[in-house]
Amino acid sequence: MRLEELVERIAREKGIEVKDVLRLIRGKVEELGGLIDEEAAALIVAKELGVEVPNKKVVLGRLRIADLVEGLKSVDIIGRVLRVDPPVSLMTKRGKSKVASIIMGDESGEIKVVLWWAYTAPIEGFK
């Protein structure tokens, strides 16, 4: 979906002026330090306002942890690993798996990251 279409959709569904939607989008770009373009900012604004948009992969660039919102995909975050929990083995419908979690943080906050992996044929050098 093009930026213009997305802006119009947000304005129509939320009953607000196009200029106000554009102001929100520019504010989001500024808030994220220019790391995202207006289209990505429009998608974030739409999500925050509860406006459904077609599922489309958009490269957002790096975000701070505090800027994550539900539904984002393919985001890069740089932070520090603050805690590593030991992995747990379990059985799933697909076979034996492992799950572990880490707590990761940056200047804006912390987030729990859950890591899943399934056992396959052993890869030399990995446990």
N, C-alpha and C. Protein backbone atom coordinates (compact mmCIF):
# COMPACT_ATOMS: atom_id res chain seq x y z
N MET A 1 0.85 -1.17 0.00
CA MET A 1 0.00 0.00 0.00
C MET A 1 0.90 1.24 0.00
N ARG A 2 0.62 2.16 -0.90
CA ARG A 2 1.41 3.39 -0.99
C ARG A 2 1.10 4.31 0.18
N LEU A 3 2.02 5.23 0.45
CA LEU A 3 1.87 6.15 1.57
C LEU A 3 0.57 6.94 1.48
N GLU A 4 0.27 7.47 0.31
CA GLU A 4 -0.93 8.29 0.14
C GLU A 4 -2.19 7.49 0.48
N GLU A 5 -2.24 6.25 0.01
CA GLU A 5 -3.40 5.39 0.29
C GLU A 5 -3.52 5.10 1.78
N LEU A 6 -2.39 4.85 2.40
CA LEU A 6 -2.38 4.54 3.83
C LEU A 6 -2.83 5.75 4.66
N VAL A 7 -2.36 6.94 4.30
CA VAL A 7 -2.76 8.16 5.00
C VAL A 7 -4.27 8.36 4.88
N GLU A 8 -4.79 8.21 3.67
CA GLU A 8 -6.23 8.37 3.45
C GLU A 8 -7.04 7.34 4.23
N ARG A 9 -6.55 6.12 4.27
CA ARG A 9 -7.25 5.06 4.99
C ARG A 9 -7.31 5.36 6.49
N ILE A 10 -6.17 5.79 7.05
CA ILE A 10 -6.14 6.13 8.48
C ILE A 10 -7.12 7.27 8.76
N ALA A 11 -7.06 8.32 7.93
CA ALA A 11 -7.93 9.48 8.13
C ALA A 11 -9.40 9.08 8.05
N ARG A 12 -9.75 8.28 7.06
CA ARG A 12 -11.14 7.86 6.86
C ARG A 12 -11.63 6.99 8.02
N GLU A 13 -10.83 5.98 8.39
CA GLU A 13 -11.27 5.06 9.44
C GLU A 13 -11.31 5.69 10.82
N LYS A 14 -10.45 6.66 11.08
CA LYS A 14 -10.41 7.28 12.40
C LYS A 14 -11.16 8.61 12.44
N GLY A 15 -11.65 9.06 11.28
CA GLY A 15 -12.42 10.30 11.24
C GLY A 15 -11.59 11.54 11.58
N ILE A 16 -10.34 11.55 11.13
CA ILE A 16 -9.48 12.71 11.38
C ILE A 16 -8.99 13.28 10.06
N GLU A 17 -8.50 14.50 10.09
CA GLU A 17 -8.01 15.18 8.89
C GLU A 17 -6.71 14.55 8.40
N VAL A 18 -6.51 14.56 7.09
CA VAL A 18 -5.29 14.05 6.48
C VAL A 18 -4.07 14.78 7.05
N LYS A 19 -4.18 16.11 7.23
CA LYS A 19 -3.04 16.88 7.75
C LYS A 19 -2.66 16.41 9.16
N ASP A 20 -3.65 15.97 9.95
CA ASP A 20 -3.36 15.47 11.29
C ASP A 20 -2.67 14.10 11.24
N VAL A 21 -3.07 13.28 10.28
CA VAL A 21 -2.41 11.99 10.10
C VAL A 21 -0.96 12.22 9.70
N LEU A 22 -0.74 13.14 8.76
CA LEU A 22 0.63 13.45 8.33
C LEU A 22 1.47 13.98 9.49
N ARG A 23 0.85 14.77 10.36
CA ARG A 23 1.56 15.29 11.53
C ARG A 23 1.98 14.13 12.45
N LEU A 24 1.09 13.16 12.65
CA LEU A 24 1.42 11.99 13.46
C LEU A 24 2.56 11.18 12.85
N ILE A 25 2.53 11.04 11.53
CA ILE A 25 3.56 10.27 10.83
C ILE A 25 4.91 10.97 10.95
N ARG A 26 4.93 12.27 10.70
CA ARG A 26 6.20 13.01 10.82
C ARG A 26 6.72 12.97 12.25
N GLY A 27 5.81 13.04 13.20
CA GLY A 27 6.20 12.93 14.61
C GLY A 27 6.84 11.59 14.93
N LYS A 28 6.30 10.52 14.33
CA LYS A 28 6.85 9.18 14.56
C LYS A 28 8.24 9.06 13.95
N VAL A 29 8.44 9.65 12.75
CA VAL A 29 9.77 9.64 12.11
C VAL A 29 10.77 10.36 13.02
N GLU A 30 10.38 11.53 13.53
CA GLU A 30 11.25 12.29 14.42
C GLU A 30 11.52 11.54 15.72
N GLU A 31 10.46 10.95 16.28
CA GLU A 31 10.59 10.20 17.52
C GLU A 31 11.61 9.07 17.40
N LEU A 32 11.66 8.46 16.22
CA LEU A 32 12.58 7.34 15.99
C LEU A 32 13.89 7.82 15.37
N GLY A 33 14.15 9.10 15.45
CA GLY A 33 15.44 9.64 15.03
C GLY A 33 15.72 9.53 13.55
N GLY A 34 14.68 9.47 12.73
CA GLY A 34 14.88 9.38 11.29
C GLY A 34 15.32 8.01 10.81
N LEU A 35 15.24 7.00 11.68
CA LEU A 35 15.67 5.65 11.29
C LEU A 35 14.68 4.95 10.38
N ILE A 36 13.47 5.49 10.28
CA ILE A 36 12.47 4.89 9.40
C ILE A 36 11.94 5.95 8.45
N ASP A 37 11.40 5.50 7.32
CA ASP A 37 10.83 6.44 6.37
C ASP A 37 9.36 6.69 6.72
N GLU A 38 8.72 7.57 5.96
CA GLU A 38 7.33 7.93 6.26
C GLU A 38 6.37 6.75 6.08
N GLU A 39 6.63 5.88 5.13
CA GLU A 39 5.75 4.72 4.94
C GLU A 39 5.78 3.80 6.16
N ALA A 40 6.97 3.53 6.65
CA ALA A 40 7.09 2.69 7.84
C ALA A 40 6.44 3.37 9.04
N ALA A 41 6.64 4.68 9.17
CA ALA A 41 6.02 5.43 10.27
C ALA A 41 4.50 5.38 10.15
N ALA A 42 3.98 5.47 8.93
CA ALA A 42 2.54 5.41 8.72
C ALA A 42 1.99 4.05 9.15
N LEU A 43 2.73 2.99 8.90
CA LEU A 43 2.29 1.66 9.33
C LEU A 43 2.26 1.56 10.85
N ILE A 44 3.24 2.16 11.50
CA ILE A 44 3.26 2.14 12.97
C ILE A 44 2.09 2.96 13.51
N VAL A 45 1.86 4.14 12.94
CA VAL A 45 0.75 4.99 13.37
C VAL A 45 -0.57 4.25 13.18
N ALA A 46 -0.74 3.61 12.03
CA ALA A 46 -1.96 2.85 11.76
C ALA A 46 -2.15 1.77 12.82
N LYS A 47 -1.12 1.03 13.11
CA LYS A 47 -1.20 -0.04 14.10
C LYS A 47 -1.55 0.51 15.47
N GLU A 48 -0.91 1.62 15.86
CA GLU A 48 -1.19 2.22 17.16
C GLU A 48 -2.63 2.72 17.26
N LEU A 49 -3.21 3.16 16.13
CA LEU A 49 -4.58 3.66 16.12
C LEU A 49 -5.62 2.56 15.88
N GLY A 50 -5.14 1.33 15.66
CA GLY A 50 -6.06 0.22 15.44
C GLY A 50 -6.61 0.12 14.03
N VAL A 51 -5.89 0.67 13.06
CA VAL A 51 -6.31 0.60 11.66
C VAL A 51 -5.62 -0.59 11.01
N GLU A 52 -6.41 -1.53 10.51
CA GLU A 52 -5.86 -2.71 9.84
C GLU A 52 -5.29 -2.33 8.48
N VAL A 53 -4.09 -2.83 8.19
CA VAL A 53 -3.48 -2.59 6.88
C VAL A 53 -3.06 -3.93 6.30
N PRO A 54 -3.01 -4.03 4.98
CA PRO A 54 -2.58 -5.29 4.37
C PRO A 54 -1.20 -5.68 4.88
N ASN A 55 -1.00 -6.98 5.09
CA ASN A 55 0.27 -7.48 5.58
C ASN A 55 1.31 -7.39 4.47
N LYS A 56 2.25 -6.53 4.64
CA LYS A 56 3.29 -6.30 3.64
C LYS A 56 4.61 -6.15 4.36
N LYS A 57 5.64 -6.80 3.86
CA LYS A 57 6.94 -6.69 4.49
C LYS A 57 7.53 -5.32 4.19
N VAL A 58 7.90 -4.64 5.26
CA VAL A 58 8.51 -3.32 5.14
C VAL A 58 9.78 -3.34 5.98
N VAL A 59 10.86 -2.89 5.42
CA VAL A 59 12.10 -2.83 6.17
C VAL A 59 12.07 -1.56 7.00
N LEU A 60 12.07 -1.71 8.32
CA LEU A 60 11.93 -0.58 9.20
C LEU A 60 13.27 -0.02 9.67
N GLY A 61 14.33 -0.77 9.51
CA GLY A 61 15.59 -0.31 10.07
C GLY A 61 15.65 -0.65 11.54
N ARG A 62 16.54 0.00 12.27
CA ARG A 62 16.69 -0.28 13.70
C ARG A 62 15.69 0.51 14.52
N LEU A 63 15.15 -0.16 15.51
CA LEU A 63 14.24 0.49 16.44
C LEU A 63 14.76 0.33 17.86
N ARG A 64 14.31 1.21 18.72
CA ARG A 64 14.59 1.06 20.15
C ARG A 64 13.53 0.12 20.70
N ILE A 65 13.85 -0.53 21.80
CA ILE A 65 12.91 -1.47 22.41
C ILE A 65 11.59 -0.79 22.75
N ALA A 66 11.64 0.42 23.25
CA ALA A 66 10.42 1.13 23.63
C ALA A 66 9.53 1.45 22.44
N ASP A 67 10.07 1.40 21.22
CA ASP A 67 9.30 1.74 20.03
C ASP A 67 8.64 0.53 19.38
N LEU A 68 8.85 -0.66 19.92
CA LEU A 68 8.23 -1.84 19.36
C LEU A 68 6.73 -1.82 19.61
N VAL A 69 5.97 -2.20 18.58
CA VAL A 69 4.53 -2.35 18.72
C VAL A 69 4.14 -3.69 18.12
N GLU A 70 3.04 -4.21 18.55
CA GLU A 70 2.56 -5.49 18.07
C GLU A 70 2.40 -5.48 16.55
N GLY A 71 2.83 -6.57 15.92
CA GLY A 71 2.62 -6.70 14.49
C GLY A 71 3.82 -6.35 13.63
N LEU A 72 4.84 -5.73 14.19
CA LEU A 72 6.02 -5.41 13.40
C LEU A 72 6.75 -6.69 13.04
N LYS A 73 7.34 -6.70 11.87
CA LYS A 73 8.10 -7.86 11.41
C LYS A 73 9.42 -7.38 10.84
N SER A 74 10.41 -8.25 10.90
CA SER A 74 11.73 -7.97 10.32
C SER A 74 12.35 -6.67 10.85
N VAL A 75 12.40 -6.56 12.16
CA VAL A 75 13.00 -5.37 12.78
C VAL A 75 14.36 -5.72 13.33
N ASP A 76 15.28 -4.81 13.27
CA ASP A 76 16.60 -4.98 13.87
C ASP A 76 16.64 -4.14 15.14
N ILE A 77 17.13 -4.77 16.21
CA ILE A 77 17.30 -4.08 17.48
C ILE A 77 18.70 -4.36 17.96
N ILE A 78 19.37 -3.32 18.38
CA ILE A 78 20.70 -3.49 18.97
C ILE A 78 20.58 -3.19 20.45
N GLY A 79 21.04 -4.12 21.26
CA GLY A 79 20.96 -3.94 22.70
C GLY A 79 21.99 -4.83 23.38
N ARG A 80 21.91 -4.84 24.67
CA ARG A 80 22.83 -5.63 25.48
C ARG A 80 22.05 -6.79 26.09
N VAL A 81 22.65 -7.97 26.09
CA VAL A 81 22.03 -9.12 26.74
C VAL A 81 22.25 -8.97 28.23
N LEU A 82 21.14 -8.89 28.97
CA LEU A 82 21.21 -8.65 30.41
C LEU A 82 21.12 -9.93 31.22
N ARG A 83 20.40 -10.93 30.69
CA ARG A 83 20.25 -12.19 31.39
C ARG A 83 19.98 -13.30 30.38
N VAL A 84 20.55 -14.47 30.63
CA VAL A 84 20.31 -15.64 29.79
C VAL A 84 19.77 -16.74 30.69
N ASP A 85 18.56 -17.21 30.38
CA ASP A 85 17.99 -18.32 31.13
C ASP A 85 18.44 -19.62 30.48
N PRO A 86 18.63 -20.67 31.26
CA PRO A 86 19.08 -21.94 30.66
C PRO A 86 18.01 -22.51 29.74
N PRO A 87 18.44 -23.17 28.66
CA PRO A 87 17.47 -23.77 27.74
C PRO A 87 16.76 -24.97 28.39
N VAL A 88 15.54 -25.20 27.93
CA VAL A 88 14.74 -26.32 28.41
C VAL A 88 14.40 -27.19 27.21
N SER A 89 14.59 -28.50 27.34
CA SER A 89 14.20 -29.44 26.29
C SER A 89 12.75 -29.85 26.49
N LEU A 90 12.05 -30.01 25.38
CA LEU A 90 10.66 -30.44 25.46
C LEU A 90 10.27 -31.16 24.19
N MET A 91 9.15 -31.87 24.27
CA MET A 91 8.63 -32.58 23.11
C MET A 91 7.44 -31.79 22.55
N THR A 92 7.43 -31.62 21.23
CA THR A 92 6.31 -30.97 20.55
C THR A 92 5.73 -31.95 19.56
N LYS A 93 4.71 -31.54 18.85
CA LYS A 93 4.13 -32.39 17.81
C LYS A 93 5.16 -32.75 16.75
N ARG A 94 6.11 -31.86 16.56
CA ARG A 94 7.11 -32.06 15.51
C ARG A 94 8.37 -32.76 16.03
N GLY A 95 8.40 -33.08 17.30
CA GLY A 95 9.56 -33.78 17.84
C GLY A 95 10.22 -32.99 18.96
N LYS A 96 11.44 -33.38 19.26
CA LYS A 96 12.17 -32.79 20.36
C LYS A 96 12.64 -31.38 19.99
N SER A 97 12.45 -30.44 20.91
CA SER A 97 12.85 -29.05 20.70
C SER A 97 13.50 -28.51 21.95
N LYS A 98 14.06 -27.32 21.82
CA LYS A 98 14.59 -26.60 22.97
C LYS A 98 14.04 -25.19 22.92
N VAL A 99 13.86 -24.62 24.10
CA VAL A 99 13.43 -23.23 24.20
C VAL A 99 14.25 -22.56 25.30
N ALA A 100 14.63 -21.34 25.06
CA ALA A 100 15.37 -20.56 26.05
C ALA A 100 14.94 -19.11 25.91
N SER A 101 15.23 -18.32 26.91
CA SER A 101 14.89 -16.91 26.81
C SER A 101 16.05 -16.07 27.32
N ILE A 102 16.10 -14.86 26.79
CA ILE A 102 17.08 -13.89 27.23
C ILE A 102 16.34 -12.59 27.55
N ILE A 103 16.91 -11.80 28.41
CA ILE A 103 16.43 -10.44 28.64
C ILE A 103 17.44 -9.53 27.98
N MET A 104 16.94 -8.68 27.11
CA MET A 104 17.80 -7.79 26.33
C MET A 104 17.37 -6.36 26.63
N GLY A 105 18.31 -5.43 26.67
CA GLY A 105 17.96 -4.06 26.97
C GLY A 105 18.73 -3.05 26.14
N ASP A 106 18.15 -1.87 26.02
CA ASP A 106 18.84 -0.73 25.43
C ASP A 106 18.51 0.49 26.28
N GLU A 107 18.85 1.68 25.82
CA GLU A 107 18.62 2.89 26.63
C GLU A 107 17.14 3.16 26.88
N SER A 108 16.26 2.51 26.12
CA SER A 108 14.83 2.81 26.24
C SER A 108 14.04 1.79 27.05
N GLY A 109 14.62 0.63 27.33
CA GLY A 109 13.88 -0.37 28.08
C GLY A 109 14.45 -1.77 27.94
N GLU A 110 13.68 -2.75 28.39
CA GLU A 110 14.08 -4.15 28.32
C GLU A 110 12.99 -4.97 27.67
N ILE A 111 13.39 -6.12 27.11
CA ILE A 111 12.43 -7.02 26.47
C ILE A 111 12.89 -8.46 26.66
N LYS A 112 11.92 -9.36 26.78
CA LYS A 112 12.23 -10.79 26.85
C LYS A 112 12.19 -11.34 25.43
N VAL A 113 13.23 -12.04 25.06
CA VAL A 113 13.31 -12.66 23.74
C VAL A 113 13.31 -14.17 23.93
N VAL A 114 12.35 -14.84 23.30
CA VAL A 114 12.24 -16.29 23.43
C VAL A 114 12.83 -16.94 22.18
N LEU A 115 13.72 -17.88 22.40
CA LEU A 115 14.42 -18.57 21.31
C LEU A 115 13.97 -20.02 21.27
N TRP A 116 13.51 -20.46 20.10
CA TRP A 116 13.10 -21.85 19.90
C TRP A 116 14.01 -22.48 18.87
N TRP A 117 14.35 -23.73 19.07
CA TRP A 117 15.01 -24.45 18.00
C TRP A 117 14.64 -25.92 18.10
N ALA A 118 14.56 -26.53 16.93
CA ALA A 118 14.19 -27.94 16.84
C ALA A 118 15.44 -28.76 16.57
N TYR A 119 15.43 -29.96 17.09
CA TYR A 119 16.56 -30.84 16.82
C TYR A 119 16.44 -31.40 15.42
N THR A 120 17.52 -31.36 14.72
CA THR A 120 17.62 -32.00 13.41
C THR A 120 18.91 -32.79 13.42
N ALA A 121 19.36 -33.19 12.28
CA ALA A 121 20.64 -33.89 12.23
C ALA A 121 21.71 -32.99 12.85
N PRO A 122 22.58 -33.55 13.65
CA PRO A 122 23.62 -32.73 14.31
C PRO A 122 24.49 -32.01 13.28
N ILE A 123 24.83 -30.77 13.60
CA ILE A 123 25.74 -29.99 12.77
C ILE A 123 27.08 -29.98 13.48
N GLU A 124 28.10 -30.35 12.78
CA GLU A 124 29.43 -30.45 13.40
C GLU A 124 29.82 -29.13 14.04
N GLY A 125 30.25 -29.21 15.29
CA GLY A 125 30.71 -28.02 15.98
C GLY A 125 29.63 -27.33 16.82
N PHE A 126 28.36 -27.76 16.69
CA PHE A 126 27.27 -27.16 17.45
C PHE A 126 26.67 -28.19 18.39
N LYS A 127 26.21 -27.74 19.53
CA LYS A 127 25.55 -28.63 20.50
C LYS A 127 24.08 -28.35 20.52
